[in-house]
Amino acid sequence: MSTLWHGRFAEGPSDELMAFTVSLPFDRRLARDDIAGSRAHARMLRKVGLLSAAELAAILDGLDLVEAEIVEGRFEYQPSDEDIHTAVERRLTDLAGAPGAKLHTGRSRNDQVATDLRLWTKRSLAEVGAQIVEFQRVLLERAREAGETYLPGYTHLQRAQPVLLAHHLLAHGWALSRDFERLLDCRGRVDVSPLGAGALAGSSLPLEPAETARELGFASVFENSLDAVGDRDFVAESLFCLAMVAVHLSRLAEDVILWSTDEWGFLSLDDRWSTGSSMMPQKKNPDIAELARGKAGRLIGHLTGILAVLKALPLAYNRDLQEDKEPLFDAFDQIRLVLPALGGLIATARFERERMEAAADSPYLAATDLAEWLVSRGKPFREAHALIGGLVRDSLARKVSLVELVAAHPELGEAAAALMAPGVAVGRRSSPGASGAEPVARQLVRFERHVEASAARLPAQ
């Protein structure tokens, strides 16, 4: 079996070695980027005089044929193809002859794979960014539709204060905005070309890394060849960004799971976006939300795994870095599945307004409003808090209506008791960014502008 490194060895590799070290089953998805990098490298070699015009033409024509075979599913992989780089170069040499054997001049698989993976990651980060924008548009539309619908807001999973449903949905939308910013910010650090670093030390040949960087659309070129081939910060950072997206989606999924139970009853799932039980005919299960919640753990695992791989690697390249691709590929794959699935669930779910508002109309959820009502009349907040807390305690202990106790209290009375009427408390949230009607109306406008501004920042694909 002939390999790219057979010249040093008297015997070919064992089957067991090849089975253990081969990466072709998963890195073949880098074919598009590997061929793009090879084209750029070949043109640079021609520019610096290391290829003739005829040799460049043969290489470019051969790469076109290789790409067509891969795209059309006609490419025949061989047992000696350790990875996508080997497969492409082998087939190119079959097609182009001696010029194909010159393509690897001044290049190592170390800088080659780093280049491929950066190109792939750049594109994938932008694709996920676009999916986030679409998901935010779903949240925005549902927030608009929610109108004046309100529900209990929770802390410690205990009912706290009433909030508008639109406010709750937009909270998830703003969290995804931070994810979008992280993805684009990370993409900027991915946007560095390592091509030309060689195996670790550059080359004695007159290479021009800036030329290949420009052709491949990279914003900048590496400064240090050791760092260029050994750096996988961009993989770890991308995995963090994706894990954070998954965590935010998991929190939203948890709301869906709780709200769709009979105990809460705030949300009903569309038949097309839920599942049933193989045994219990009455069941309608939020499987999309549960899987979204589970995928977050999977992506967190990918992040911790790559950090463990990187933590003790000496400079420069080590084969351990082959372990960077499968978690990265899988993380992107899973996020690309979760976003549209969960988006479809949210877009089609029915919010149960009466159930939500009935849960939020408990007089106890207006307790903070009563304390603030006293503050507005000059009473120190801590004293107001203690007074209202005492009334709540008395109401629960004696099983007496809180409204009656407030109405009868000399410092409160009917005017304060009126604050506990259904729908009153949620309308009193008027501070900037609050959950009342006026600030939420302003927030809807800002969020729409923010989402469309994000969409405009997405790079053309």
Protein backbone atom coordinates (compact mmCIF):
# COMPACT_ATOMS: atom_id res chain seq x y z
CA MET A 1 0.00 0.00 0.00
CA SER A 2 1.46 3.34 -1.08
CA THR A 3 1.10 6.31 1.29
CA LEU A 4 2.17 9.94 1.14
CA TRP A 5 5.01 9.03 3.49
CA HIS A 6 6.10 5.61 2.11
CA GLY A 7 9.61 6.68 1.07
CA ARG A 8 11.00 6.56 4.62
CA PHE A 9 9.68 3.05 5.30
CA ALA A 10 10.84 -0.33 4.04
CA GLU A 11 7.40 -1.88 4.66
CA GLY A 12 3.86 -0.62 4.28
CA PRO A 13 1.60 0.12 7.24
CA SER A 14 -0.29 -2.66 8.96
CA ASP A 15 -4.01 -2.98 8.49
CA GLU A 16 -4.49 -2.30 12.18
CA LEU A 17 -2.52 0.95 12.00
CA MET A 18 -4.55 2.12 9.02
CA ALA A 19 -7.83 1.21 10.68
CA PHE A 20 -6.86 3.14 13.79
CA THR A 21 -5.43 6.23 12.16
CA VAL A 22 -7.68 6.72 9.14
CA SER A 23 -9.81 9.87 9.20
CA LEU A 24 -11.40 9.65 5.74
CA PRO A 25 -14.80 8.45 7.01
CA PHE A 26 -15.37 11.81 8.70
CA ASP A 27 -13.00 14.31 7.06
CA ARG A 28 -14.29 13.67 3.54
CA ARG A 29 -16.77 16.47 4.18
CA LEU A 30 -13.77 18.82 3.87
CA ALA A 31 -13.37 17.90 0.17
CA ARG A 32 -14.76 21.19 -1.11
CA ASP A 33 -12.39 23.18 1.06
CA ASP A 34 -9.42 20.92 0.40
CA ILE A 35 -9.82 21.41 -3.35
CA ALA A 36 -10.23 25.18 -2.94
CA GLY A 37 -7.02 25.28 -0.91
CA SER A 38 -5.22 23.20 -3.51
CA ARG A 39 -6.27 25.52 -6.32
CA ALA A 40 -5.02 28.54 -4.40
CA HIS A 41 -1.75 26.78 -3.51
CA ALA A 42 -1.18 25.75 -7.14
CA ARG A 43 -1.75 29.28 -8.44
CA MET A 44 0.68 30.63 -5.85
CA LEU A 45 3.28 28.03 -6.89
CA ARG A 46 2.90 29.20 -10.48
CA LYS A 47 3.26 32.83 -9.46
CA VAL A 48 6.56 32.19 -7.66
CA GLY A 49 7.92 30.09 -10.54
CA LEU A 50 7.61 26.61 -9.02
CA LEU A 51 5.07 25.46 -11.61
CA SER A 52 4.91 26.11 -15.32
CA ALA A 53 1.77 27.42 -16.95
CA ALA A 54 1.14 23.99 -18.48
CA GLU A 55 1.58 22.26 -15.11
CA LEU A 56 -0.83 24.69 -13.43
CA ALA A 57 -3.42 24.12 -16.15
CA ALA A 58 -3.11 20.34 -15.75
CA ILE A 59 -3.52 20.61 -11.98
CA LEU A 60 -6.52 22.93 -12.17
CA ASP A 61 -8.21 20.79 -14.81
CA GLY A 62 -7.55 17.69 -12.73
CA LEU A 63 -8.94 19.32 -9.58
CA ASP A 64 -12.08 20.27 -11.49
CA LEU A 65 -12.56 16.62 -12.46
CA VAL A 66 -11.89 15.41 -8.93
CA GLU A 67 -14.44 17.85 -7.56
CA ALA A 68 -17.03 16.78 -10.11
CA GLU A 69 -16.51 13.12 -9.22
CA ILE A 70 -16.93 13.85 -5.51
CA VAL A 71 -20.00 16.05 -5.97
CA GLU A 72 -21.66 13.53 -8.29
CA GLY A 73 -20.82 10.57 -6.05
CA ARG A 74 -18.55 8.92 -8.65
CA PHE A 75 -15.28 9.28 -6.71
CA GLU A 76 -13.73 5.90 -5.92
CA TYR A 77 -11.87 5.90 -2.62
CA GLN A 78 -8.97 3.49 -2.17
CA PRO A 79 -7.75 1.57 0.91
CA SER A 80 -4.59 3.72 0.89
CA ASP A 81 -6.63 6.94 1.27
CA GLU A 82 -5.89 7.88 4.87
CA ASP A 83 -7.76 11.15 4.66
CA ILE A 84 -9.43 13.46 2.17
CA HIS A 85 -6.08 15.14 1.37
CA THR A 86 -4.53 11.81 0.36
CA ALA A 87 -7.57 10.85 -1.68
CA VAL A 88 -7.66 14.11 -3.62
CA GLU A 89 -3.92 14.13 -4.32
CA ARG A 90 -3.90 10.47 -5.38
CA ARG A 91 -6.76 10.95 -7.82
CA LEU A 92 -5.30 14.22 -9.11
CA THR A 93 -2.01 12.47 -9.87
CA ASP A 94 -3.94 9.71 -11.67
CA LEU A 95 -5.56 12.36 -13.86
CA ALA A 96 -2.78 14.93 -14.30
CA GLY A 97 0.30 12.76 -14.06
CA ALA A 98 3.61 14.37 -13.02
CA PRO A 99 2.13 17.86 -12.47
CA GLY A 100 -0.21 16.37 -9.87
CA ALA A 101 2.77 15.10 -7.93
CA LYS A 102 4.07 18.69 -7.73
CA LEU A 103 0.97 20.08 -6.00
CA HIS A 104 2.24 19.33 -2.51
CA THR A 105 5.39 21.41 -3.05
CA GLY A 106 5.95 23.62 0.00
CA ARG A 107 2.88 22.23 1.73
CA SER A 108 2.26 19.78 4.56
CA ARG A 109 -0.90 18.05 5.56
CA ASN A 110 -0.48 19.99 8.79
CA ASP A 111 -1.09 23.41 7.26
CA GLN A 112 -3.40 21.87 4.68
CA VAL A 113 -5.88 20.42 7.19
CA ALA A 114 -5.75 23.54 9.33
CA THR A 115 -6.68 25.56 6.25
CA ASP A 116 -9.49 23.20 5.26
CA LEU A 117 -10.96 23.20 8.74
CA ARG A 118 -10.86 26.98 9.06
CA LEU A 119 -12.60 27.40 5.70
CA TRP A 120 -15.28 24.89 6.71
CA THR A 121 -15.76 26.45 10.14
CA LYS A 122 -16.01 29.99 8.76
CA ARG A 123 -18.80 28.94 6.47
CA SER A 124 -20.58 26.87 9.10
CA LEU A 125 -20.55 29.64 11.70
CA ALA A 126 -22.25 31.95 9.23
CA GLU A 127 -24.84 29.28 8.39
CA VAL A 128 -25.75 28.80 12.05
CA GLY A 129 -25.89 32.57 12.46
CA ALA A 130 -28.49 32.69 9.70
CA GLN A 131 -30.51 29.96 11.41
CA ILE A 132 -30.46 31.90 14.66
CA VAL A 133 -31.86 34.94 12.87
CA GLU A 134 -34.71 32.82 11.50
CA PHE A 135 -35.44 31.45 14.96
CA GLN A 136 -35.48 34.97 16.38
CA ARG A 137 -38.02 35.95 13.72
CA VAL A 138 -40.28 33.14 14.95
CA LEU A 139 -40.01 34.45 18.52
CA LEU A 140 -40.67 37.99 17.32
CA GLU A 141 -43.81 36.96 15.44
CA ARG A 142 -45.15 34.97 18.39
CA ALA A 143 -44.40 37.90 20.71
CA ARG A 144 -46.38 40.22 18.43
CA GLU A 145 -49.28 37.76 18.33
CA ALA A 146 -49.27 37.46 22.13
CA GLY A 147 -50.53 41.03 22.50
CA GLU A 148 -51.57 41.71 26.11
CA THR A 149 -51.49 38.04 27.19
CA TYR A 150 -49.72 37.66 30.50
CA LEU A 151 -48.56 34.82 32.72
CA PRO A 152 -46.67 34.35 35.98
CA GLY A 153 -42.97 35.13 35.88
CA TYR A 154 -40.96 32.77 38.01
CA THR A 155 -37.91 32.80 40.25
CA HIS A 156 -36.77 29.58 41.92
CA LEU A 157 -39.58 27.99 39.86
CA GLN A 158 -42.04 29.75 42.18
CA ARG A 159 -44.59 32.24 40.90
CA ALA A 160 -43.15 35.70 41.41
CA GLN A 161 -44.70 38.55 39.41
CA PRO A 162 -46.92 38.69 36.30
CA VAL A 163 -45.19 39.41 33.00
CA LEU A 164 -46.40 39.75 29.43
CA LEU A 165 -45.96 36.62 27.34
CA ALA A 166 -44.27 38.79 24.71
CA HIS A 167 -41.70 39.83 27.30
CA HIS A 168 -40.99 36.21 28.17
CA LEU A 169 -40.54 35.20 24.53
CA LEU A 170 -38.28 38.15 23.81
CA ALA A 171 -36.07 37.20 26.76
CA HIS A 172 -35.14 34.06 24.83
CA GLY A 173 -34.69 36.16 21.70
CA TRP A 174 -32.18 38.49 23.34
CA ALA A 175 -30.18 35.53 24.67
CA LEU A 176 -29.91 34.25 21.10
CA SER A 177 -28.69 37.70 20.05
CA ARG A 178 -25.69 37.23 22.29
CA ASP A 179 -25.12 33.85 20.66
CA PHE A 180 -25.22 35.48 17.24
CA GLU A 181 -22.64 38.07 18.33
CA ARG A 182 -20.38 35.35 19.69
CA LEU A 183 -20.59 33.33 16.48
CA LEU A 184 -19.61 36.29 14.31
CA ASP A 185 -16.90 37.36 16.74
CA CYS A 186 -15.49 33.83 16.77
CA ARG A 187 -15.64 33.77 12.99
CA GLY A 188 -13.28 36.74 12.93
CA ARG A 189 -10.65 34.73 14.80
CA VAL A 190 -11.18 31.73 12.52
CA ASP A 191 -10.54 33.99 9.52
CA VAL A 192 -6.74 33.51 9.49
CA SER A 193 -4.98 31.47 6.81
CA PRO A 194 -2.39 28.91 8.00
CA LEU A 195 -1.48 27.84 4.46
CA GLY A 196 2.24 28.27 3.92
CA ALA A 197 3.27 27.28 7.44
CA GLY A 198 4.28 23.86 6.17
CA ALA A 199 4.72 21.06 8.66
CA LEU A 200 5.82 23.48 11.40
CA ALA A 201 8.67 25.70 10.22
CA GLY A 202 7.63 27.20 6.89
CA SER A 203 9.70 26.47 3.79
CA SER A 204 12.97 27.31 2.05
CA LEU A 205 10.95 27.81 -1.13
CA PRO A 206 9.76 31.32 -2.11
CA LEU A 207 6.15 30.82 -0.95
CA GLU A 208 3.70 33.70 -0.64
CA PRO A 209 1.16 32.84 2.10
CA ALA A 210 -0.55 36.22 1.67
CA GLU A 211 -1.38 35.28 -1.91
CA THR A 212 -3.18 32.07 -0.98
CA ALA A 213 -4.90 33.81 1.94
CA ARG A 214 -6.25 36.46 -0.40
CA GLU A 215 -7.53 33.97 -2.94
CA LEU A 216 -9.24 31.86 -0.28
CA GLY A 217 -10.96 34.90 1.19
CA PHE A 218 -9.15 34.94 4.52
CA ALA A 219 -8.94 38.28 6.29
CA SER A 220 -5.34 37.73 7.41
CA VAL A 221 -2.42 35.30 7.34
CA PHE A 222 -0.55 33.52 10.15
CA GLU A 223 2.35 35.23 11.91
CA ASN A 224 4.05 32.16 13.38
CA SER A 225 4.30 28.82 11.60
CA LEU A 226 4.42 26.79 14.83
CA ASP A 227 1.27 28.43 16.10
CA ALA A 228 -0.44 28.15 12.72
CA VAL A 229 -0.32 24.36 12.55
CA GLY A 230 -0.75 23.70 16.28
CA ASP A 231 -3.61 26.13 16.92
CA ARG A 232 -7.07 24.69 17.50
CA ASP A 233 -8.32 27.56 19.64
CA PHE A 234 -10.84 28.24 16.91
CA VAL A 235 -12.27 24.72 17.29
CA ALA A 236 -12.63 25.07 21.06
CA GLU A 237 -14.12 28.55 20.73
CA SER A 238 -16.57 27.43 18.07
CA LEU A 239 -17.61 24.53 20.27
CA PHE A 240 -18.15 26.92 23.19
CA CYS A 241 -20.30 29.19 21.03
CA LEU A 242 -22.38 26.25 19.82
CA ALA A 243 -22.68 24.82 23.33
CA MET A 244 -23.94 28.20 24.53
CA VAL A 245 -26.55 28.22 21.75
CA ALA A 246 -27.59 24.73 22.84
CA VAL A 247 -27.84 25.82 26.47
CA HIS A 248 -30.09 28.75 25.56
CA LEU A 249 -32.27 26.50 23.40
CA SER A 250 -32.40 24.00 26.24
CA ARG A 251 -33.74 26.67 28.60
CA LEU A 252 -36.47 27.53 26.12
CA ALA A 253 -37.19 23.83 25.66
CA GLU A 254 -37.60 23.47 29.41
CA ASP A 255 -40.27 26.18 29.36
CA VAL A 256 -42.07 24.28 26.60
CA ILE A 257 -41.86 21.00 28.51
CA LEU A 258 -43.24 22.52 31.72
CA TRP A 259 -45.87 24.66 30.03
CA SER A 260 -47.25 21.74 27.99
CA THR A 261 -47.97 19.57 31.05
CA ASP A 262 -51.51 19.30 32.40
CA GLU A 263 -50.19 20.70 35.67
CA TRP A 264 -49.24 23.97 33.98
CA GLY A 265 -51.41 23.94 30.91
CA PHE A 266 -49.94 27.12 29.41
CA LEU A 267 -49.21 25.63 25.98
CA SER A 268 -50.68 23.07 23.60
CA LEU A 269 -48.47 21.37 21.02
CA ASP A 270 -49.37 21.08 17.37
CA ASP A 271 -49.86 17.46 16.29
CA ARG A 272 -47.22 17.80 13.56
CA TRP A 273 -44.58 18.91 16.04
CA SER A 274 -45.18 16.42 18.85
CA THR A 275 -45.20 12.65 19.29
CA GLY A 276 -47.34 10.01 20.95
CA SER A 277 -46.83 6.93 23.06
CA SER A 278 -46.57 3.38 21.71
CA MET A 279 -48.56 2.17 24.74
CA MET A 280 -50.61 5.07 26.16
CA PRO A 281 -53.14 6.36 23.62
CA GLN A 282 -53.79 9.66 25.38
CA LYS A 283 -50.23 10.96 25.32
CA LYS A 284 -48.87 13.93 23.39
CA ASN A 285 -45.17 14.34 24.11
CA PRO A 286 -42.82 17.33 23.60
CA ASP A 287 -40.07 15.17 22.10
CA ILE A 288 -38.52 18.01 20.11
CA ALA A 289 -38.08 20.05 23.28
CA GLU A 290 -36.74 17.08 25.22
CA LEU A 291 -34.23 16.23 22.51
CA ALA A 292 -33.15 19.87 22.34
CA ARG A 293 -32.56 19.73 26.08
CA GLY A 294 -30.57 16.51 25.71
CA LYS A 295 -28.46 17.80 22.83
CA ALA A 296 -27.14 20.56 25.08
CA GLY A 297 -25.40 17.93 27.20
CA ARG A 298 -23.93 16.37 24.07
CA LEU A 299 -22.46 19.70 22.92
CA ILE A 300 -21.10 20.52 26.37
CA GLY A 301 -19.35 17.14 26.22
CA HIS A 302 -17.77 18.01 22.87
CA LEU A 303 -16.39 21.24 24.34
CA THR A 304 -14.89 19.59 27.39
CA GLY A 305 -13.48 16.83 25.22
CA ILE A 306 -11.54 19.13 22.91
CA LEU A 307 -10.23 21.16 25.84
CA ALA A 308 -8.92 17.94 27.38
CA VAL A 309 -7.21 17.05 24.07
CA LEU A 310 -5.54 20.46 23.82
CA LYS A 311 -4.49 20.96 27.42
CA ALA A 312 -1.08 19.26 27.26
CA LEU A 313 0.00 19.21 23.62
CA PRO A 314 3.54 20.37 22.94
CA LEU A 315 4.20 22.50 19.88
CA ALA A 316 3.60 22.02 17.09
CA TYR A 317 1.35 19.48 15.33
CA ASN A 318 0.41 16.23 17.07
CA ARG A 319 -1.88 13.52 15.76
CA ASP A 320 -4.11 14.08 18.79
CA LEU A 321 -5.48 17.00 16.77
CA GLN A 322 -7.26 14.54 14.50
CA GLU A 323 -9.76 14.38 17.38
CA ASP A 324 -10.86 17.96 16.66
CA LYS A 325 -13.10 17.22 13.68
CA GLU A 326 -15.71 14.74 14.81
CA PRO A 327 -16.92 16.81 17.79
CA LEU A 328 -16.86 19.99 15.72
CA PHE A 329 -18.76 18.42 12.83
CA ASP A 330 -21.28 16.83 15.15
CA ALA A 331 -21.84 20.02 17.13
CA PHE A 332 -22.68 21.93 13.96
CA ASP A 333 -24.85 19.08 12.71
CA GLN A 334 -26.87 18.97 15.92
CA ILE A 335 -27.40 22.73 16.14
CA ARG A 336 -28.51 22.78 12.50
CA LEU A 337 -31.14 20.16 13.42
CA VAL A 338 -32.29 21.70 16.68
CA LEU A 339 -32.88 25.28 15.50
CA PRO A 340 -35.44 24.56 12.75
CA ALA A 341 -37.14 21.78 14.74
CA LEU A 342 -37.59 23.88 17.86
CA GLY A 343 -38.49 26.88 15.70
CA GLY A 344 -41.28 24.88 14.10
CA LEU A 345 -42.58 23.78 17.48
CA ILE A 346 -42.71 27.37 18.77
CA ALA A 347 -44.25 28.69 15.55
CA THR A 348 -47.16 26.23 15.71
CA ALA A 349 -47.80 25.91 19.46
CA ARG A 350 -51.00 27.35 20.93
CA PHE A 351 -50.61 29.51 24.02
CA GLU A 352 -53.46 28.98 26.48
CA ARG A 353 -54.24 32.56 27.43
CA GLU A 354 -56.96 31.89 29.99
CA ARG A 355 -54.85 29.36 31.88
CA MET A 356 -51.81 31.67 31.88
CA GLU A 357 -53.70 34.71 33.06
CA ALA A 358 -55.63 32.81 35.72
CA ALA A 359 -52.32 31.62 37.17
CA ALA A 360 -50.95 35.18 37.13
CA ASP A 361 -54.03 36.76 38.73
CA SER A 362 -53.33 35.46 42.22
CA PRO A 363 -53.36 38.44 44.61
CA TYR A 364 -50.07 37.24 46.08
CA LEU A 365 -48.27 38.07 42.82
CA ALA A 366 -49.11 41.73 43.43
CA ALA A 367 -47.25 41.79 46.74
CA THR A 368 -44.31 43.73 45.29
CA ASP A 369 -46.73 46.29 43.82
CA LEU A 370 -48.23 46.82 47.27
CA ALA A 371 -44.78 47.40 48.76
CA GLU A 372 -43.90 49.84 45.97
CA TRP A 373 -47.25 51.60 46.43
CA LEU A 374 -46.24 52.25 50.04
CA VAL A 375 -42.77 53.39 48.92
CA SER A 376 -44.38 55.91 46.57
CA ARG A 377 -46.07 57.37 49.66
CA GLY A 378 -42.82 57.80 51.55
CA LYS A 379 -42.43 54.55 53.45
CA PRO A 380 -38.92 53.00 53.43
CA PHE A 381 -38.87 49.93 51.21
CA ARG A 382 -37.61 47.57 53.89
CA GLU A 383 -40.48 48.58 56.18
CA ALA A 384 -42.97 48.27 53.34
CA HIS A 385 -41.58 44.83 52.47
CA ALA A 386 -41.99 43.67 56.07
CA LEU A 387 -45.54 45.03 56.34
CA ILE A 388 -46.74 43.29 53.15
CA GLY A 389 -44.88 40.12 54.05
CA GLY A 390 -46.68 40.07 57.38
CA LEU A 391 -50.05 40.41 55.66
CA VAL A 392 -49.19 37.56 53.30
CA ARG A 393 -48.18 35.37 56.24
CA ASP A 394 -51.40 36.25 58.08
CA SER A 395 -53.51 35.53 54.99
CA LEU A 396 -51.99 32.08 54.50
CA ALA A 397 -52.04 31.15 58.19
CA ARG A 398 -55.64 32.25 58.79
CA LYS A 399 -56.89 31.37 55.29
CA VAL A 400 -58.21 34.89 54.92
CA SER A 401 -58.29 36.76 51.62
CA LEU A 402 -55.23 38.95 51.16
CA VAL A 403 -57.42 41.46 49.35
CA GLU A 404 -59.61 41.80 52.46
CA LEU A 405 -56.61 42.22 54.74
CA VAL A 406 -55.13 44.92 52.50
CA ALA A 407 -58.43 46.76 52.18
CA ALA A 408 -58.83 46.78 55.99
CA HIS A 409 -55.26 47.91 56.77
CA PRO A 410 -55.01 51.57 57.84
CA GLU A 411 -51.88 52.20 55.72
CA LEU A 412 -53.35 50.53 52.63
CA GLY A 413 -57.09 50.44 52.11
CA GLU A 414 -59.24 50.07 48.99
CA ALA A 415 -56.86 51.98 46.73
CA ALA A 416 -54.08 49.51 47.46
CA ALA A 417 -56.43 46.53 47.27
CA ALA A 418 -57.34 47.58 43.75
CA LEU A 419 -53.79 46.81 42.67
CA MET A 420 -54.59 43.12 43.13
CA ALA A 421 -57.41 43.08 40.59
CA PRO A 422 -56.81 40.77 37.58
CA GLY A 423 -54.47 42.25 34.99
CA VAL A 424 -53.60 45.36 37.00
CA ALA A 425 -50.14 44.45 38.29
CA VAL A 426 -48.67 43.52 34.89
CA GLY A 427 -49.67 46.91 33.51
CA ARG A 428 -47.74 48.74 36.20
CA ARG A 429 -44.31 47.61 34.96
CA SER A 430 -43.23 50.82 33.29
CA SER A 431 -39.46 51.09 33.84
CA PRO A 432 -37.13 50.68 30.83
CA GLY A 433 -36.82 47.05 29.79
CA ALA A 434 -39.68 46.04 32.07
CA SER A 435 -42.54 43.64 31.32
CA GLY A 436 -45.39 46.15 31.05
CA ALA A 437 -47.24 47.05 27.86
CA GLU A 438 -45.42 50.30 27.03
CA PRO A 439 -41.83 49.12 27.57
CA VAL A 440 -42.58 45.83 25.79
CA ALA A 441 -44.01 47.71 22.81
CA ARG A 442 -40.78 49.67 22.58
CA GLN A 443 -38.78 46.49 23.06
CA LEU A 444 -40.57 44.79 20.16
CA VAL A 445 -39.50 47.61 17.85
CA ARG A 446 -35.91 47.45 19.08
CA PHE A 447 -35.77 43.67 18.80
CA GLU A 448 -37.06 43.70 15.22
CA ARG A 449 -34.46 46.29 14.26
CA HIS A 450 -31.76 44.29 16.03
CA VAL A 451 -32.70 41.06 14.23
CA GLU A 452 -32.75 42.69 10.82
CA ALA A 453 -29.43 44.40 11.54
CA SER A 454 -28.01 40.99 12.43
CA ALA A 455 -29.31 39.53 9.18
CA ALA A 456 -27.59 42.32 7.25
CA ARG A 457 -24.27 41.46 8.90
CA LEU A 458 -24.28 37.86 7.71
CA PRO A 459 -21.58 37.21 5.11
CA ALA A 460 -22.69 36.20 1.63
CA GLN A 461 -22.47 32.47 1.12
